[in-house]
Amino acid sequence: MPRRYDIEAAFRSAVVVEPSGRRTLRTVDFVRELKKVNWDFSLRDANAWIEASVSTFRDISPAEGEDRLFMLYNPNGGL
């Protein structure tokens, strides 16, 4: 049974720290982590959750579509 707090844990698990220190997140990675904890989000649902719940990441996608790329732009902030 999915639990609401698993969504935030899945988000944190999907964040990738690049060698330069930049933290990024792809929507497909977030959806994959959500599936591991029994949440079935579409790419659109995942993007909507990120936009509504996370204020420290911004969209830096190189192309249009639902598979978006987000980057941490305020490392002093939380979710």
PDB file of N, CA and C in Angstrom:
ATOM      1  N   MET A   1       0.844  -1.180   0.000  1.00  0.00           N
ATOM      2  CA  MET A   1       0.000   0.000   0.000  1.00  0.00           C
ATOM      3  C   MET A   1       0.889   1.244   0.000  1.00  0.00           C
ATOM      4  N   PRO A   2       0.665   2.153  -0.933  1.00  0.00           N
ATOM      5  CA  PRO A   2       1.502   3.360  -0.985  1.00  0.00           C
ATOM      6  C   PRO A   2       1.223   4.302   0.181  1.00  0.00           C
ATOM      7  N   ARG A   3       2.301   4.946   0.618  1.00  0.00           N
ATOM      8  CA  ARG A   3       2.191   5.920   1.714  1.00  0.00           C
ATOM      9  C   ARG A   3       2.675   7.269   1.205  1.00  0.00           C
ATOM     10  N   ARG A   4       2.019   8.329   1.669  1.00  0.00           N
ATOM     11  CA  ARG A   4       2.327   9.678   1.177  1.00  0.00           C
ATOM     12  C   ARG A   4       3.782  10.074   1.414  1.00  0.00           C
ATOM     13  N   TYR A   5       4.345   9.705   2.546  1.00  0.00           N
ATOM     14  CA  TYR A   5       5.723  10.114   2.821  1.00  0.00           C
ATOM     15  C   TYR A   5       6.722   9.418   1.903  1.00  0.00           C
ATOM     16  N   ASP A   6       6.306   8.352   1.240  1.00  0.00           N
ATOM     17  CA  ASP A   6       7.185   7.679   0.284  1.00  0.00           C
ATOM     18  C   ASP A   6       7.441   8.527  -0.961  1.00  0.00           C
ATOM     19  N   ILE A   7       6.534   9.452  -1.258  1.00  0.00           N
ATOM     20  CA  ILE A   7       6.722  10.305  -2.437  1.00  0.00           C
ATOM     21  C   ILE A   7       7.966  11.169  -2.256  1.00  0.00           C
ATOM     22  N   GLU A   8       8.107  11.792  -1.092  1.00  0.00           N
ATOM     23  CA  GLU A   8       9.278  12.636  -0.837  1.00  0.00           C
ATOM     24  C   GLU A   8      10.558  11.806  -0.823  1.00  0.00           C
ATOM     25  N   ALA A   9      10.503  10.620  -0.249  1.00  0.00           N
ATOM     26  CA  ALA A   9      11.678   9.744  -0.233  1.00  0.00           C
ATOM     27  C   ALA A   9      12.067   9.343  -1.656  1.00  0.00           C
ATOM     28  N   ALA A  10      11.080   9.077  -2.496  1.00  0.00           N
ATOM     29  CA  ALA A  10      11.357   8.731  -3.893  1.00  0.00           C
ATOM     30  C   ALA A  10      11.981   9.914  -4.620  1.00  0.00           C
ATOM     31  N   PHE A  11      11.503  11.115  -4.323  1.00  0.00           N
ATOM     32  CA  PHE A  11      12.077  12.315  -4.933  1.00  0.00           C
ATOM     33  C   PHE A  11      13.557  12.432  -4.566  1.00  0.00           C
ATOM     34  N   ARG A  12      13.851  12.294  -3.286  1.00  0.00           N
ATOM     35  CA  ARG A  12      15.249  12.400  -2.837  1.00  0.00           C
ATOM     36  C   ARG A  12      16.120  11.315  -3.465  1.00  0.00           C
ATOM     37  N   SER A  13      15.574  10.117  -3.631  1.00  0.00           N
ATOM     38  CA  SER A  13      16.330   9.018  -4.240  1.00  0.00           C
ATOM     39  C   SER A  13      16.612   9.260  -5.717  1.00  0.00           C
ATOM     40  N   ALA A  14      15.748  10.015  -6.373  1.00  0.00           N
ATOM     41  CA  ALA A  14      15.898  10.256  -7.809  1.00  0.00           C
ATOM     42  C   ALA A  14      16.879  11.381  -8.124  1.00  0.00           C
ATOM     43  N   VAL A  15      17.250  12.171  -7.133  1.00  0.00           N
ATOM     44  CA  VAL A  15      18.177  13.285  -7.362  1.00  0.00           C
ATOM     45  C   VAL A  15      19.572  12.726  -7.642  1.00  0.00           C
ATOM     46  N   VAL A  16      20.193  13.225  -8.697  1.00  0.00           N
ATOM     47  CA  VAL A  16      21.535  12.795  -9.105  1.00  0.00           C
ATOM     48  C   VAL A  16      22.516  13.921  -8.805  1.00  0.00           C
ATOM     49  N   VAL A  17      23.620  13.581  -8.135  1.00  0.00           N
ATOM     50  CA  VAL A  17      24.674  14.561  -7.871  1.00  0.00           C
ATOM     51  C   VAL A  17      25.768  14.336  -8.907  1.00  0.00           C
ATOM     52  N   GLU A  18      25.961  15.314  -9.771  1.00  0.00           N
ATOM     53  CA  GLU A  18      26.969  15.218 -10.823  1.00  0.00           C
ATOM     54  C   GLU A  18      28.355  15.483 -10.239  1.00  0.00           C
ATOM     55  N   PRO A  19      29.430  15.088 -10.939  1.00  0.00           N
ATOM     56  CA  PRO A  19      30.790  15.328 -10.439  1.00  0.00           C
ATOM     57  C   PRO A  19      31.074  16.804 -10.145  1.00  0.00           C
ATOM     58  N   SER A  20      30.404  17.695 -10.852  1.00  0.00           N
ATOM     59  CA  SER A  20      30.605  19.130 -10.623  1.00  0.00           C
ATOM     60  C   SER A  20      29.880  19.618  -9.371  1.00  0.00           C
ATOM     61  N   GLY A  21      29.049  18.742  -8.779  1.00  0.00           N
ATOM     62  CA  GLY A  21      28.297  19.121  -7.592  1.00  0.00           C
ATOM     63  C   GLY A  21      26.867  19.542  -7.883  1.00  0.00           C
ATOM     64  N   ARG A  22      26.548  19.694  -9.146  1.00  0.00           N
ATOM     65  CA  ARG A  22      25.195  20.087  -9.549  1.00  0.00           C
ATOM     66  C   ARG A  22      24.225  18.941  -9.266  1.00  0.00           C
ATOM     67  N   ARG A  23      23.073  19.259  -8.697  1.00  0.00           N
ATOM     68  CA  ARG A  23      22.054  18.256  -8.391  1.00  0.00           C
ATOM     69  C   ARG A  23      20.913  18.389  -9.391  1.00  0.00           C
ATOM     70  N   THR A  24      20.638  17.293 -10.072  1.00  0.00           N
ATOM     71  CA  THR A  24      19.589  17.298 -11.083  1.00  0.00           C
ATOM     72  C   THR A  24      18.623  16.146 -10.842  1.00  0.00           C
ATOM     73  N   LEU A  25      17.482  16.258 -11.488  1.00  0.00           N
ATOM     74  CA  LEU A  25      16.463  15.224 -11.385  1.00  0.00           C
ATOM     75  C   LEU A  25      15.702  15.158 -12.696  1.00  0.00           C
ATOM     76  N   ARG A  26      15.581  13.968 -13.248  1.00  0.00           N
ATOM     77  CA  ARG A  26      14.763  13.748 -14.443  1.00  0.00           C
ATOM     78  C   ARG A  26      13.426  13.178 -13.991  1.00  0.00           C
ATOM     79  N   THR A  27      12.376  13.596 -14.654  1.00  0.00           N
ATOM     80  CA  THR A  27      11.041  13.126 -14.301  1.00  0.00           C
ATOM     81  C   THR A  27      10.946  11.604 -14.401  1.00  0.00           C
ATOM     82  N   VAL A  28      11.556  11.002 -15.422  1.00  0.00           N
ATOM     83  CA  VAL A  28      11.480   9.539 -15.569  1.00  0.00           C
ATOM     84  C   VAL A  28      12.148   8.829 -14.399  1.00  0.00           C
ATOM     85  N   ASP A  29      13.229   9.397 -13.856  1.00  0.00           N
ATOM     86  CA  ASP A  29      13.885   8.796 -12.696  1.00  0.00           C
ATOM     87  C   ASP A  29      12.982   8.871 -11.468  1.00  0.00           C
ATOM     88  N   PHE A  30      12.300   9.996 -11.305  1.00  0.00           N
ATOM     89  CA  PHE A  30      11.372  10.169 -10.192  1.00  0.00           C
ATOM     90  C   PHE A  30      10.227   9.156 -10.293  1.00  0.00           C
ATOM     91  N   VAL A  31       9.669   8.985 -11.480  1.00  0.00           N
ATOM     92  CA  VAL A  31       8.573   8.028 -11.677  1.00  0.00           C
ATOM     93  C   VAL A  31       9.056   6.605 -11.395  1.00  0.00           C
ATOM     94  N   ARG A  32      10.281   6.274 -11.819  1.00  0.00           N
ATOM     95  CA  ARG A  32      10.840   4.946 -11.555  1.00  0.00           C
ATOM     96  C   ARG A  32      10.977   4.699 -10.054  1.00  0.00           C
ATOM     97  N   GLU A  33      11.468   5.706  -9.315  1.00  0.00           N
ATOM     98  CA  GLU A  33      11.590   5.567  -7.861  1.00  0.00           C
ATOM     99  C   GLU A  33      10.213   5.456  -7.201  1.00  0.00           C
ATOM    100  N   LEU A  34       9.234   6.168  -7.727  1.00  0.00           N
ATOM    101  CA  LEU A  34       7.873   6.076  -7.187  1.00  0.00           C
ATOM    102  C   LEU A  34       7.303   4.672  -7.371  1.00  0.00           C
ATOM    103  N   LYS A  35       7.580   4.051  -8.507  1.00  0.00           N
ATOM    104  CA  LYS A  35       7.079   2.693  -8.752  1.00  0.00           C
ATOM    105  C   LYS A  35       7.651   1.709  -7.738  1.00  0.00           C
ATOM    106  N   LYS A  36       8.872   1.943  -7.282  1.00  0.00           N
ATOM    107  CA  LYS A  36       9.492   1.067  -6.284  1.00  0.00           C
ATOM    108  C   LYS A  36       8.748   1.095  -4.956  1.00  0.00           C
ATOM    109  N   VAL A  37       8.043   2.186  -4.678  1.00  0.00           N
ATOM    110  CA  VAL A  37       7.302   2.314  -3.413  1.00  0.00           C
ATOM    111  C   VAL A  37       5.787   2.315  -3.658  1.00  0.00           C
ATOM    112  N   ASN A  38       5.375   1.654  -4.745  1.00  0.00           N
ATOM    113  CA  ASN A  38       3.962   1.401  -5.056  1.00  0.00           C
ATOM    114  C   ASN A  38       3.140   2.626  -5.428  1.00  0.00           C
ATOM    115  N   TRP A  39       3.766   3.668  -5.937  1.00  0.00           N
ATOM    116  CA  TRP A  39       3.025   4.818  -6.465  1.00  0.00           C
ATOM    117  C   TRP A  39       3.082   4.741  -7.975  1.00  0.00           C
ATOM    118  N   ASP A  40       1.951   4.933  -8.627  1.00  0.00           N
ATOM    119  CA  ASP A  40       1.884   4.870 -10.083  1.00  0.00           C
ATOM    120  C   ASP A  40       1.559   6.260 -10.627  1.00  0.00           C
ATOM    121  N   PHE A  41       2.594   7.087 -10.782  1.00  0.00           N
ATOM    122  CA  PHE A  41       2.436   8.442 -11.315  1.00  0.00           C
ATOM    123  C   PHE A  41       2.758   8.427 -12.801  1.00  0.00           C
ATOM    124  N   SER A  42       2.032   9.220 -13.561  1.00  0.00           N
ATOM    125  CA  SER A  42       2.416   9.465 -14.950  1.00  0.00           C
ATOM    126  C   SER A  42       3.492  10.554 -14.926  1.00  0.00           C
ATOM    127  N   LEU A  43       4.125  10.795 -16.063  1.00  0.00           N
ATOM    128  CA  LEU A  43       5.111  11.875 -16.127  1.00  0.00           C
ATOM    129  C   LEU A  43       4.447  13.212 -15.802  1.00  0.00           C
ATOM    130  N   ARG A  44       3.238  13.403 -16.294  1.00  0.00           N
ATOM    131  CA  ARG A  44       2.507  14.652 -16.037  1.00  0.00           C
ATOM    132  C   ARG A  44       2.207  14.807 -14.541  1.00  0.00           C
ATOM    133  N   ASP A  45       1.774  13.716 -13.882  1.00  0.00           N
ATOM    134  CA  ASP A  45       1.495  13.758 -12.440  1.00  0.00           C
ATOM    135  C   ASP A  45       2.765  14.081 -11.651  1.00  0.00           C
ATOM    136  N   ALA A  46       3.873  13.466 -12.052  1.00  0.00           N
ATOM    137  CA  ALA A  46       5.139  13.697 -11.356  1.00  0.00           C
ATOM    138  C   ALA A  46       5.585  15.147 -11.512  1.00  0.00           C
ATOM    139  N   ASN A  47       5.464  15.695 -12.712  1.00  0.00           N
ATOM    140  CA  ASN A  47       5.824  17.101 -12.931  1.00  0.00           C
ATOM    141  C   ASN A  47       4.941  18.025 -12.105  1.00  0.00           C
ATOM    142  N   ALA A  48       3.657  17.712 -12.038  1.00  0.00           N
ATOM    143  CA  ALA A  48       2.731  18.534 -11.250  1.00  0.00           C
ATOM    144  C   ALA A  48       3.098  18.487  -9.775  1.00  0.00           C
ATOM    145  N   TRP A  49       3.478  17.303  -9.273  1.00  0.00           N
ATOM    146  CA  TRP A  49       3.871  17.188  -7.864  1.00  0.00           C
ATOM    147  C   TRP A  49       5.140  17.998  -7.601  1.00  0.00           C
ATOM    148  N   ILE A  50       6.121  17.902  -8.488  1.00  0.00           N
ATOM    149  CA  ILE A  50       7.371  18.650  -8.320  1.00  0.00           C
ATOM    150  C   ILE A  50       7.086  20.150  -8.307  1.00  0.00           C
ATOM    151  N   GLU A  51       6.301  20.618  -9.252  1.00  0.00           N
ATOM    152  CA  GLU A  51       5.997  22.052  -9.329  1.00  0.00           C
ATOM    153  C   GLU A  51       5.241  22.548  -8.101  1.00  0.00           C
ATOM    154  N   ALA A  52       4.359  21.723  -7.552  1.00  0.00           N
ATOM    155  CA  ALA A  52       3.543  22.140  -6.410  1.00  0.00           C
ATOM    156  C   ALA A  52       4.256  21.976  -5.073  1.00  0.00           C
ATOM    157  N   SER A  53       5.150  21.003  -4.969  1.00  0.00           N
ATOM    158  CA  SER A  53       5.710  20.643  -3.665  1.00  0.00           C
ATOM    159  C   SER A  53       7.169  21.023  -3.468  1.00  0.00           C
ATOM    160  N   VAL A  54       7.880  21.316  -4.539  1.00  0.00           N
ATOM    161  CA  VAL A  54       9.315  21.565  -4.439  1.00  0.00           C
ATOM    162  C   VAL A  54       9.624  22.945  -5.010  1.00  0.00           C
ATOM    163  N   SER A  55      10.092  23.835  -4.164  1.00  0.00           N
ATOM    164  CA  SER A  55      10.364  25.205  -4.627  1.00  0.00           C
ATOM    165  C   SER A  55      11.840  25.451  -4.928  1.00  0.00           C
ATOM    166  N   THR A  56      12.698  24.494  -4.644  1.00  0.00           N
ATOM    167  CA  THR A  56      14.135  24.709  -4.804  1.00  0.00           C
ATOM    168  C   THR A  56      14.705  24.127  -6.098  1.00  0.00           C
ATOM    169  N   PHE A  57      13.881  23.508  -6.919  1.00  0.00           N
ATOM    170  CA  PHE A  57      14.319  22.976  -8.202  1.00  0.00           C
ATOM    171  C   PHE A  57      13.606  23.739  -9.303  1.00  0.00           C
ATOM    172  N   ARG A  58      14.319  23.999 -10.414  1.00  0.00           N
ATOM    173  CA  ARG A  58      13.672  24.657 -11.551  1.00  0.00           C
ATOM    174  C   ARG A  58      13.881  23.824 -12.806  1.00  0.00           C
ATOM    175  N   ASP A  59      13.005  24.022 -13.736  1.00  0.00           N
ATOM    176  CA  ASP A  59      13.014  23.274 -14.989  1.00  0.00           C
ATOM    177  C   ASP A  59      14.106  23.819 -15.907  1.00  0.00           C
ATOM    178  N   ILE A  60      15.034  22.958 -16.300  1.00  0.00           N
ATOM    179  CA  ILE A  60      16.091  23.350 -17.240  1.00  0.00           C
ATOM    180  C   ILE A  60      16.077  22.424 -18.456  1.00  0.00           C
ATOM    181  N   SER A  61      14.920  21.890 -18.782  1.00  0.00           N
ATOM    182  CA  SER A  61      14.783  20.921 -19.878  1.00  0.00           C
ATOM    183  C   SER A  61      15.267  21.508 -21.196  1.00  0.00           C
ATOM    184  N   PRO A  62      16.080  20.751 -21.940  1.00  0.00           N
ATOM    185  CA  PRO A  62      16.545  21.233 -23.239  1.00  0.00           C
ATOM    186  C   PRO A  62      15.488  21.101 -24.340  1.00  0.00           C
ATOM    187  N   ALA A  63      14.438  20.313 -24.084  1.00  0.00           N
ATOM    188  CA  ALA A  63      13.399  20.095 -25.099  1.00  0.00           C
ATOM    189  C   ALA A  63      12.026  20.106 -24.441  1.00  0.00           C
ATOM    190  N   GLU A  64      11.010  20.301 -25.261  1.00  0.00           N
ATOM    191  CA  GLU A  64       9.628  20.276 -24.769  1.00  0.00           C
ATOM    192  C   GLU A  64       9.210  18.836 -24.486  1.00  0.00           C
ATOM    193  N   GLY A  65       8.221  18.675 -23.648  1.00  0.00           N
ATOM    194  CA  GLY A  65       7.678  17.346 -23.377  1.00  0.00           C
ATOM    195  C   GLY A  65       7.536  17.110 -21.888  1.00  0.00           C
ATOM    196  N   GLU A  66       7.038  15.934 -21.554  1.00  0.00           N
ATOM    197  CA  GLU A  66       6.793  15.601 -20.152  1.00  0.00           C
ATOM    198  C   GLU A  66       8.033  15.057 -19.445  1.00  0.00           C
ATOM    199  N   ASP A  67       9.004  14.529 -20.194  1.00  0.00           N
ATOM    200  CA  ASP A  67      10.248  14.068 -19.572  1.00  0.00           C
ATOM    201  C   ASP A  67      11.132  15.285 -19.368  1.00  0.00           C
ATOM    202  N   ARG A  68      11.017  15.886 -18.202  1.00  0.00           N
ATOM    203  CA  ARG A  68      11.702  17.147 -17.941  1.00  0.00           C
ATOM    204  C   ARG A  68      12.927  16.945 -17.055  1.00  0.00           C
ATOM    205  N   LEU A  69      13.813  17.919 -17.098  1.00  0.00           N
ATOM    206  CA  LEU A  69      15.027  17.931 -16.297  1.00  0.00           C
ATOM    207  C   LEU A  69      14.940  19.110 -15.342  1.00  0.00           C
ATOM    208  N   PHE A  70      15.114  18.839 -14.057  1.00  0.00           N
ATOM    209  CA  PHE A  70      15.083  19.879 -13.036  1.00  0.00           C
ATOM    210  C   PHE A  70      16.460  19.984 -12.397  1.00  0.00           C
ATOM    211  N   MET A  71      16.823  21.188 -11.966  1.00  0.00           N
ATOM    212  CA  MET A  71      18.107  21.417 -11.315  1.00  0.00           C
ATOM    213  C   MET A  71      17.885  22.163 -10.010  1.00  0.00           C
ATOM    214  N   LEU A  72      18.640  21.792  -8.981  1.00  0.00           N
ATOM    215  CA  LEU A  72      18.599  22.492  -7.708  1.00  0.00           C
ATOM    216  C   LEU A  72      19.223  23.861  -7.899  1.00  0.00           C
ATOM    217  N   TYR A  73      18.504  24.906  -7.557  1.00  0.00           N
ATOM    218  CA  TYR A  73      19.053  26.253  -7.703  1.00  0.00           C
ATOM    219  C   TYR A  73      19.140  26.993  -6.382  1.00  0.00           C
ATOM    220  N   ASN A  74      18.689  26.395  -5.300  1.00  0.00           N
ATOM    221  CA  ASN A  74      18.812  27.001  -3.980  1.00  0.00           C
ATOM    222  C   ASN A  74      19.264  25.926  -3.003  1.00  0.00           C
ATOM    223  N   PRO A  75      20.571  25.666  -2.915  1.00  0.00           N
ATOM    224  CA  PRO A  75      21.042  24.582  -2.062  1.00  0.00           C
ATOM    225  C   PRO A  75      20.790  24.813  -0.577  1.00  0.00           C
ATOM    226  N   ASN A  76      20.448  26.020  -0.179  1.00  0.00           N
ATOM    227  CA  ASN A  76      20.178  26.289   1.231  1.00  0.00           C
ATOM    228  C   ASN A  76      18.737  26.004   1.608  1.00  0.00           C
ATOM    229  N   GLY A  77      17.906  25.777   0.620  1.00  0.00           N
ATOM    230  CA  GLY A  77      16.496  25.502   0.879  1.00  0.00           C
ATOM    231  C   GLY A  77      16.242  24.016   0.972  1.00  0.00           C
ATOM    232  N   GLY A  78      15.089  23.656   1.408  1.00  0.00           N
ATOM    233  CA  GLY A  78      14.708  22.251   1.485  1.00  0.00           C
ATOM    234  C   GLY A  78      13.712  21.928   0.410  1.00  0.00           C
ATOM    235  N   LEU A  79      12.949  20.892   0.641  1.00  0.00           N
ATOM    236  CA  LEU A  79      11.887  20.544  -0.297  1.00  0.00           C
ATOM    237  C   LEU A  79      10.844  21.571  -0.142  1.00  0.00           C
TER     238      LEU A  79
END
